[in-house]
Amino acid sequence: MPIYSVAECAEVLDVSDDTVRRWIDTDRLPARRHDGRTVVEGVALAELAERLLEPGEALERDRTRAGSVSARNRMSGIVTRVKADTVMAQVEMVCGPYRIVSLMSSDAASDLGLAPGVRAIASVKSTNVVLEVP
């Protein structure tokens, strides 16, 4: 399972490092020490990302970095859910304040190693969402 530094969590959630540290200090985001640094399990980060999409939670977000999406519509985020059958997969992500859903082949989702807690980049082109792993 992937682990993330405070700075990586902040980037994924589109908040400041200080906000992530405050959430860790108040036990809103579980963290642990690993090799002398504070890290967060990918699943815990994905769970918080989903909660931040709920009404009321969004009001508490640090919006100082909102709107930092490039002109090419590439959004960094974290996978929160993967629903797959033998042919297709539905992959849900949270990219800052946005929920992104991508439909792809189950083979593609497996090849990319997409699972809750995995960091990915959503590239949006018209009605298609393409995911890539950084």
N, C-alpha and C. Protein backbone atom coordinates (compact mmCIF):
# COMPACT_ATOMS: atom_id res chain seq x y z
N MET A 1 0.86 -1.18 0.00
CA MET A 1 0.00 0.00 0.00
C MET A 1 0.90 1.23 0.00
N PRO A 2 0.57 2.20 -0.84
CA PRO A 2 1.39 3.41 -0.89
C PRO A 2 1.26 4.25 0.38
N ILE A 3 2.34 4.97 0.69
CA ILE A 3 2.32 5.94 1.78
C ILE A 3 2.71 7.30 1.22
N TYR A 4 2.22 8.36 1.86
CA TYR A 4 2.42 9.71 1.36
C TYR A 4 2.97 10.62 2.45
N SER A 5 3.85 11.52 2.06
CA SER A 5 4.37 12.54 2.97
C SER A 5 3.30 13.60 3.18
N VAL A 6 3.52 14.47 4.15
CA VAL A 6 2.58 15.57 4.41
C VAL A 6 2.45 16.44 3.16
N ALA A 7 3.56 16.75 2.52
CA ALA A 7 3.51 17.59 1.31
C ALA A 7 2.74 16.93 0.18
N GLU A 8 2.90 15.63 0.01
CA GLU A 8 2.16 14.91 -1.03
C GLU A 8 0.67 14.89 -0.71
N CYS A 9 0.31 14.70 0.56
CA CYS A 9 -1.10 14.74 0.97
C CYS A 9 -1.70 16.11 0.64
N ALA A 10 -0.95 17.16 0.96
CA ALA A 10 -1.43 18.52 0.70
C ALA A 10 -1.66 18.73 -0.78
N GLU A 11 -0.75 18.24 -1.62
CA GLU A 11 -0.90 18.39 -3.07
C GLU A 11 -2.13 17.66 -3.58
N VAL A 12 -2.32 16.42 -3.12
CA VAL A 12 -3.46 15.61 -3.55
C VAL A 12 -4.78 16.25 -3.14
N LEU A 13 -4.84 16.77 -1.91
CA LEU A 13 -6.09 17.35 -1.39
C LEU A 13 -6.25 18.82 -1.75
N ASP A 14 -5.23 19.40 -2.36
CA ASP A 14 -5.25 20.81 -2.76
C ASP A 14 -5.45 21.72 -1.55
N VAL A 15 -4.67 21.45 -0.50
CA VAL A 15 -4.66 22.27 0.70
C VAL A 15 -3.20 22.56 1.06
N SER A 16 -2.97 23.35 2.07
CA SER A 16 -1.61 23.66 2.49
C SER A 16 -1.04 22.53 3.37
N ASP A 17 0.28 22.47 3.46
CA ASP A 17 0.93 21.51 4.35
C ASP A 17 0.45 21.71 5.79
N ASP A 18 0.29 22.98 6.20
CA ASP A 18 -0.17 23.28 7.55
C ASP A 18 -1.55 22.70 7.83
N THR A 19 -2.43 22.74 6.83
CA THR A 19 -3.77 22.16 7.00
C THR A 19 -3.67 20.66 7.24
N VAL A 20 -2.83 19.98 6.47
CA VAL A 20 -2.65 18.54 6.64
C VAL A 20 -2.09 18.25 8.03
N ARG A 21 -1.10 19.01 8.47
CA ARG A 21 -0.53 18.80 9.81
C ARG A 21 -1.59 19.01 10.90
N ARG A 22 -2.44 20.02 10.71
CA ARG A 22 -3.51 20.29 11.68
C ARG A 22 -4.48 19.11 11.72
N TRP A 23 -4.83 18.55 10.56
CA TRP A 23 -5.72 17.39 10.51
C TRP A 23 -5.08 16.18 11.18
N ILE A 24 -3.78 16.02 11.02
CA ILE A 24 -3.07 14.92 11.69
C ILE A 24 -3.07 15.14 13.20
N ASP A 25 -2.77 16.36 13.63
CA ASP A 25 -2.72 16.68 15.07
C ASP A 25 -4.06 16.49 15.75
N THR A 26 -5.16 16.69 15.02
CA THR A 26 -6.49 16.54 15.61
C THR A 26 -7.10 15.16 15.32
N ASP A 27 -6.27 14.24 14.81
CA ASP A 27 -6.68 12.86 14.50
C ASP A 27 -7.75 12.76 13.42
N ARG A 28 -7.89 13.79 12.63
CA ARG A 28 -8.81 13.73 11.49
C ARG A 28 -8.21 12.90 10.36
N LEU A 29 -6.87 12.89 10.30
CA LEU A 29 -6.13 12.12 9.30
C LEU A 29 -5.09 11.28 10.04
N PRO A 30 -5.27 9.95 10.09
CA PRO A 30 -4.30 9.12 10.81
C PRO A 30 -2.95 9.13 10.11
N ALA A 31 -1.89 9.21 10.90
CA ALA A 31 -0.53 9.22 10.36
C ALA A 31 0.38 8.43 11.29
N ARG A 32 1.57 8.14 10.79
CA ARG A 32 2.57 7.44 11.60
C ARG A 32 3.95 7.93 11.18
N ARG A 33 4.95 7.54 11.96
CA ARG A 33 6.33 7.90 11.64
C ARG A 33 6.94 6.75 10.84
N HIS A 34 7.70 7.10 9.80
CA HIS A 34 8.38 6.12 8.96
C HIS A 34 9.70 6.74 8.51
N ASP A 35 10.80 6.14 8.88
CA ASP A 35 12.13 6.65 8.52
C ASP A 35 12.30 8.12 8.93
N GLY A 36 11.78 8.46 10.12
CA GLY A 36 11.97 9.80 10.64
C GLY A 36 11.02 10.85 10.10
N ARG A 37 10.06 10.48 9.26
CA ARG A 37 9.10 11.45 8.75
C ARG A 37 7.67 11.00 9.00
N THR A 38 6.77 11.97 8.98
CA THR A 38 5.36 11.68 9.15
C THR A 38 4.79 11.24 7.81
N VAL A 39 4.10 10.11 7.79
CA VAL A 39 3.51 9.60 6.56
C VAL A 39 2.06 9.20 6.81
N VAL A 40 1.30 9.14 5.73
CA VAL A 40 -0.11 8.78 5.76
C VAL A 40 -0.32 7.62 4.81
N GLU A 41 -1.05 6.60 5.26
CA GLU A 41 -1.39 5.47 4.39
C GLU A 41 -2.33 5.95 3.28
N GLY A 42 -2.16 5.40 2.08
CA GLY A 42 -2.97 5.80 0.94
C GLY A 42 -4.46 5.62 1.17
N VAL A 43 -4.86 4.54 1.82
CA VAL A 43 -6.29 4.30 2.07
C VAL A 43 -6.87 5.37 2.98
N ALA A 44 -6.12 5.76 4.01
CA ALA A 44 -6.60 6.82 4.92
C ALA A 44 -6.73 8.14 4.18
N LEU A 45 -5.79 8.42 3.29
CA LEU A 45 -5.86 9.66 2.50
C LEU A 45 -7.07 9.63 1.57
N ALA A 46 -7.32 8.49 0.95
CA ALA A 46 -8.49 8.35 0.06
C ALA A 46 -9.79 8.54 0.83
N GLU A 47 -9.86 7.99 2.05
CA GLU A 47 -11.08 8.14 2.86
C GLU A 47 -11.33 9.59 3.23
N LEU A 48 -10.26 10.33 3.61
CA LEU A 48 -10.44 11.74 3.92
C LEU A 48 -10.83 12.52 2.67
N ALA A 49 -10.24 12.19 1.54
CA ALA A 49 -10.57 12.88 0.29
C ALA A 49 -12.06 12.74 -0.03
N GLU A 50 -12.61 11.55 0.18
CA GLU A 50 -14.05 11.35 -0.05
C GLU A 50 -14.88 12.16 0.93
N ARG A 51 -14.48 12.19 2.22
CA ARG A 51 -15.23 12.96 3.22
C ARG A 51 -15.22 14.45 2.88
N LEU A 52 -14.14 14.93 2.29
CA LEU A 52 -14.05 16.36 1.96
C LEU A 52 -15.02 16.77 0.86
N LEU A 53 -15.54 15.79 0.12
CA LEU A 53 -16.52 16.09 -0.92
C LEU A 53 -17.93 16.26 -0.36
N GLU A 54 -18.14 15.83 0.89
CA GLU A 54 -19.47 15.90 1.50
C GLU A 54 -19.83 17.36 1.79
N PRO A 55 -21.13 17.70 1.67
CA PRO A 55 -21.56 19.06 2.00
C PRO A 55 -21.14 19.43 3.42
N GLY A 56 -20.70 20.63 3.61
CA GLY A 56 -20.26 21.08 4.92
C GLY A 56 -18.77 20.90 5.11
N GLU A 57 -18.24 19.75 4.69
CA GLU A 57 -16.81 19.51 4.80
C GLU A 57 -16.05 20.45 3.88
N ALA A 58 -16.60 20.69 2.70
CA ALA A 58 -15.91 21.54 1.73
C ALA A 58 -15.70 22.96 2.26
N LEU A 59 -16.58 23.40 3.15
CA LEU A 59 -16.46 24.75 3.69
C LEU A 59 -15.21 24.91 4.54
N GLU A 60 -14.69 23.80 5.09
CA GLU A 60 -13.53 23.86 5.97
C GLU A 60 -12.22 23.78 5.21
N ARG A 61 -12.25 23.52 3.92
CA ARG A 61 -11.02 23.35 3.16
C ARG A 61 -10.23 24.64 3.04
N ASP A 62 -8.94 24.51 2.97
CA ASP A 62 -8.06 25.64 2.73
C ASP A 62 -8.06 25.89 1.22
N ARG A 63 -8.65 26.97 0.77
CA ARG A 63 -8.79 27.25 -0.66
C ARG A 63 -7.66 28.10 -1.23
N THR A 64 -6.56 28.28 -0.50
CA THR A 64 -5.51 29.17 -0.97
C THR A 64 -4.87 28.68 -2.25
N ARG A 65 -4.96 27.38 -2.54
CA ARG A 65 -4.33 26.85 -3.73
C ARG A 65 -5.36 26.37 -4.75
N ALA A 66 -6.63 26.68 -4.56
CA ALA A 66 -7.67 26.24 -5.49
C ALA A 66 -7.45 26.85 -6.85
N GLY A 67 -7.87 26.14 -7.87
CA GLY A 67 -7.75 26.66 -9.22
C GLY A 67 -6.37 26.48 -9.82
N SER A 68 -5.56 25.57 -9.29
CA SER A 68 -4.21 25.40 -9.81
C SER A 68 -4.16 24.31 -10.89
N VAL A 69 -5.21 24.21 -11.67
CA VAL A 69 -5.27 23.23 -12.75
C VAL A 69 -4.61 23.81 -13.98
N SER A 70 -3.78 23.03 -14.63
CA SER A 70 -3.07 23.52 -15.81
C SER A 70 -4.02 23.69 -16.99
N ALA A 71 -3.55 24.39 -18.00
CA ALA A 71 -4.35 24.62 -19.21
C ALA A 71 -4.63 23.31 -19.94
N ARG A 72 -3.85 22.30 -19.68
CA ARG A 72 -4.04 21.01 -20.34
C ARG A 72 -5.00 20.10 -19.57
N ASN A 73 -5.63 20.61 -18.52
CA ASN A 73 -6.63 19.87 -17.76
C ASN A 73 -6.11 18.57 -17.16
N ARG A 74 -4.93 18.63 -16.57
CA ARG A 74 -4.35 17.49 -15.86
C ARG A 74 -4.49 17.76 -14.37
N MET A 75 -5.15 16.83 -13.66
CA MET A 75 -5.40 17.03 -12.24
C MET A 75 -4.83 15.86 -11.45
N SER A 76 -3.95 16.17 -10.52
CA SER A 76 -3.38 15.16 -9.65
C SER A 76 -4.36 14.85 -8.53
N GLY A 77 -4.48 13.58 -8.17
CA GLY A 77 -5.40 13.22 -7.11
C GLY A 77 -5.13 11.83 -6.58
N ILE A 78 -6.12 11.28 -5.91
CA ILE A 78 -5.98 9.96 -5.29
C ILE A 78 -7.20 9.12 -5.64
N VAL A 79 -6.96 7.87 -5.94
CA VAL A 79 -8.04 6.93 -6.26
C VAL A 79 -8.79 6.60 -4.97
N THR A 80 -10.12 6.71 -5.03
CA THR A 80 -10.94 6.43 -3.85
C THR A 80 -11.74 5.14 -3.99
N ARG A 81 -11.99 4.70 -5.22
CA ARG A 81 -12.81 3.49 -5.41
C ARG A 81 -12.54 2.94 -6.81
N VAL A 82 -12.50 1.60 -6.90
CA VAL A 82 -12.39 0.92 -8.19
C VAL A 82 -13.44 -0.18 -8.21
N LYS A 83 -14.34 -0.11 -9.18
CA LYS A 83 -15.35 -1.15 -9.37
C LYS A 83 -15.03 -1.81 -10.71
N ALA A 84 -14.67 -3.08 -10.68
CA ALA A 84 -14.26 -3.76 -11.92
C ALA A 84 -15.00 -5.08 -12.08
N ASP A 85 -15.29 -5.41 -13.34
CA ASP A 85 -15.80 -6.73 -13.66
C ASP A 85 -14.79 -7.35 -14.63
N THR A 86 -15.21 -8.32 -15.41
CA THR A 86 -14.26 -8.99 -16.29
C THR A 86 -13.84 -8.14 -17.50
N VAL A 87 -14.64 -7.13 -17.84
CA VAL A 87 -14.35 -6.33 -19.02
C VAL A 87 -14.01 -4.88 -18.70
N MET A 88 -14.83 -4.22 -17.88
CA MET A 88 -14.68 -2.78 -17.64
C MET A 88 -14.43 -2.48 -16.16
N ALA A 89 -13.84 -1.29 -15.94
CA ALA A 89 -13.61 -0.80 -14.57
C ALA A 89 -14.07 0.65 -14.49
N GLN A 90 -14.67 0.98 -13.36
CA GLN A 90 -15.04 2.36 -13.05
C GLN A 90 -14.11 2.81 -11.93
N VAL A 91 -13.31 3.83 -12.21
CA VAL A 91 -12.32 4.32 -11.25
C VAL A 91 -12.75 5.70 -10.79
N GLU A 92 -12.89 5.88 -9.48
CA GLU A 92 -13.26 7.17 -8.91
C GLU A 92 -12.04 7.77 -8.23
N MET A 93 -11.88 9.08 -8.40
CA MET A 93 -10.77 9.81 -7.81
C MET A 93 -11.26 11.09 -7.17
N VAL A 94 -10.47 11.61 -6.24
CA VAL A 94 -10.69 12.95 -5.73
C VAL A 94 -9.44 13.74 -6.10
N CYS A 95 -9.64 14.83 -6.81
CA CYS A 95 -8.56 15.73 -7.23
C CYS A 95 -8.88 17.10 -6.65
N GLY A 96 -8.30 17.40 -5.49
CA GLY A 96 -8.64 18.65 -4.81
C GLY A 96 -10.11 18.66 -4.49
N PRO A 97 -10.83 19.69 -4.90
CA PRO A 97 -12.26 19.76 -4.59
C PRO A 97 -13.15 19.01 -5.59
N TYR A 98 -12.54 18.27 -6.53
CA TYR A 98 -13.30 17.64 -7.61
C TYR A 98 -13.34 16.12 -7.47
N ARG A 99 -14.49 15.54 -7.82
CA ARG A 99 -14.63 14.08 -7.92
C ARG A 99 -14.59 13.75 -9.40
N ILE A 100 -13.71 12.84 -9.77
CA ILE A 100 -13.52 12.44 -11.16
C ILE A 100 -13.84 10.95 -11.28
N VAL A 101 -14.56 10.57 -12.33
CA VAL A 101 -14.86 9.17 -12.59
C VAL A 101 -14.37 8.84 -13.99
N SER A 102 -13.64 7.74 -14.11
CA SER A 102 -13.12 7.30 -15.41
C SER A 102 -13.57 5.87 -15.67
N LEU A 103 -14.00 5.60 -16.88
CA LEU A 103 -14.33 4.24 -17.31
C LEU A 103 -13.22 3.76 -18.23
N MET A 104 -12.73 2.56 -17.97
CA MET A 104 -11.64 2.00 -18.77
C MET A 104 -11.76 0.48 -18.72
N SER A 105 -10.94 -0.19 -19.49
CA SER A 105 -10.95 -1.65 -19.44
C SER A 105 -10.40 -2.11 -18.09
N SER A 106 -10.86 -3.26 -17.63
CA SER A 106 -10.35 -3.82 -16.38
C SER A 106 -8.86 -4.11 -16.49
N ASP A 107 -8.42 -4.52 -17.69
CA ASP A 107 -7.00 -4.78 -17.91
C ASP A 107 -6.18 -3.50 -17.72
N ALA A 108 -6.67 -2.36 -18.23
CA ALA A 108 -5.94 -1.10 -18.08
C ALA A 108 -5.84 -0.70 -16.62
N ALA A 109 -6.94 -0.83 -15.88
CA ALA A 109 -6.93 -0.48 -14.46
C ALA A 109 -5.96 -1.39 -13.70
N SER A 110 -5.94 -2.66 -14.04
CA SER A 110 -5.02 -3.60 -13.40
C SER A 110 -3.57 -3.29 -13.77
N ASP A 111 -3.31 -3.03 -15.04
CA ASP A 111 -1.95 -2.71 -15.49
C ASP A 111 -1.40 -1.46 -14.80
N LEU A 112 -2.27 -0.47 -14.55
CA LEU A 112 -1.85 0.76 -13.87
C LEU A 112 -1.75 0.58 -12.35
N GLY A 113 -2.26 -0.54 -11.86
CA GLY A 113 -2.23 -0.78 -10.42
C GLY A 113 -3.18 0.12 -9.66
N LEU A 114 -4.28 0.51 -10.30
CA LEU A 114 -5.23 1.43 -9.67
C LEU A 114 -6.02 0.72 -8.57
N ALA A 115 -6.00 1.33 -7.39
CA ALA A 115 -6.70 0.82 -6.21
C ALA A 115 -6.87 1.99 -5.25
N PRO A 116 -7.81 1.90 -4.31
CA PRO A 116 -7.96 2.99 -3.34
C PRO A 116 -6.62 3.31 -2.66
N GLY A 117 -6.30 4.60 -2.63
CA GLY A 117 -5.07 5.05 -2.01
C GLY A 117 -3.93 5.27 -2.97
N VAL A 118 -4.09 4.87 -4.23
CA VAL A 118 -3.04 5.07 -5.23
C VAL A 118 -3.18 6.46 -5.83
N ARG A 119 -2.08 7.14 -5.96
CA ARG A 119 -2.07 8.47 -6.56
C ARG A 119 -2.08 8.34 -8.08
N ALA A 120 -2.84 9.21 -8.73
CA ALA A 120 -2.95 9.17 -10.18
C ALA A 120 -3.17 10.59 -10.70
N ILE A 121 -3.06 10.74 -12.01
CA ILE A 121 -3.32 12.02 -12.67
C ILE A 121 -4.46 11.81 -13.64
N ALA A 122 -5.48 12.65 -13.54
CA ALA A 122 -6.61 12.60 -14.48
C ALA A 122 -6.36 13.64 -15.56
N SER A 123 -6.33 13.18 -16.81
CA SER A 123 -6.20 14.09 -17.95
C SER A 123 -7.57 14.15 -18.61
N VAL A 124 -8.17 15.31 -18.61
CA VAL A 124 -9.54 15.45 -19.11
C VAL A 124 -9.51 16.06 -20.51
N LYS A 125 -10.14 15.38 -21.44
CA LYS A 125 -10.26 15.86 -22.81
C LYS A 125 -11.71 15.67 -23.22
N SER A 126 -12.44 16.76 -23.34
CA SER A 126 -13.84 16.72 -23.70
C SER A 126 -14.60 15.84 -22.71
N THR A 127 -15.24 14.77 -23.18
CA THR A 127 -16.00 13.91 -22.28
C THR A 127 -15.21 12.70 -21.82
N ASN A 128 -13.95 12.57 -22.23
CA ASN A 128 -13.12 11.43 -21.85
C ASN A 128 -12.17 11.80 -20.73
N VAL A 129 -12.01 10.92 -19.76
CA VAL A 129 -11.05 11.10 -18.68
C VAL A 129 -10.02 9.98 -18.80
N VAL A 130 -8.76 10.36 -18.96
CA VAL A 130 -7.67 9.41 -19.08
C VAL A 130 -6.83 9.48 -17.81
N LEU A 131 -6.55 8.33 -17.18
CA LEU A 131 -5.76 8.31 -15.95
C LEU A 131 -4.35 7.82 -16.25
N GLU A 132 -3.37 8.40 -15.58
CA GLU A 132 -2.00 7.94 -15.67
C GLU A 132 -1.40 7.97 -14.28
N VAL A 133 -0.42 7.14 -14.03
CA VAL A 133 0.22 7.06 -12.74
C VAL A 133 1.51 7.88 -12.81
N PRO A 134 1.73 8.81 -11.81
CA PRO A 134 2.93 9.66 -11.90
C PRO A 134 4.21 8.88 -11.73
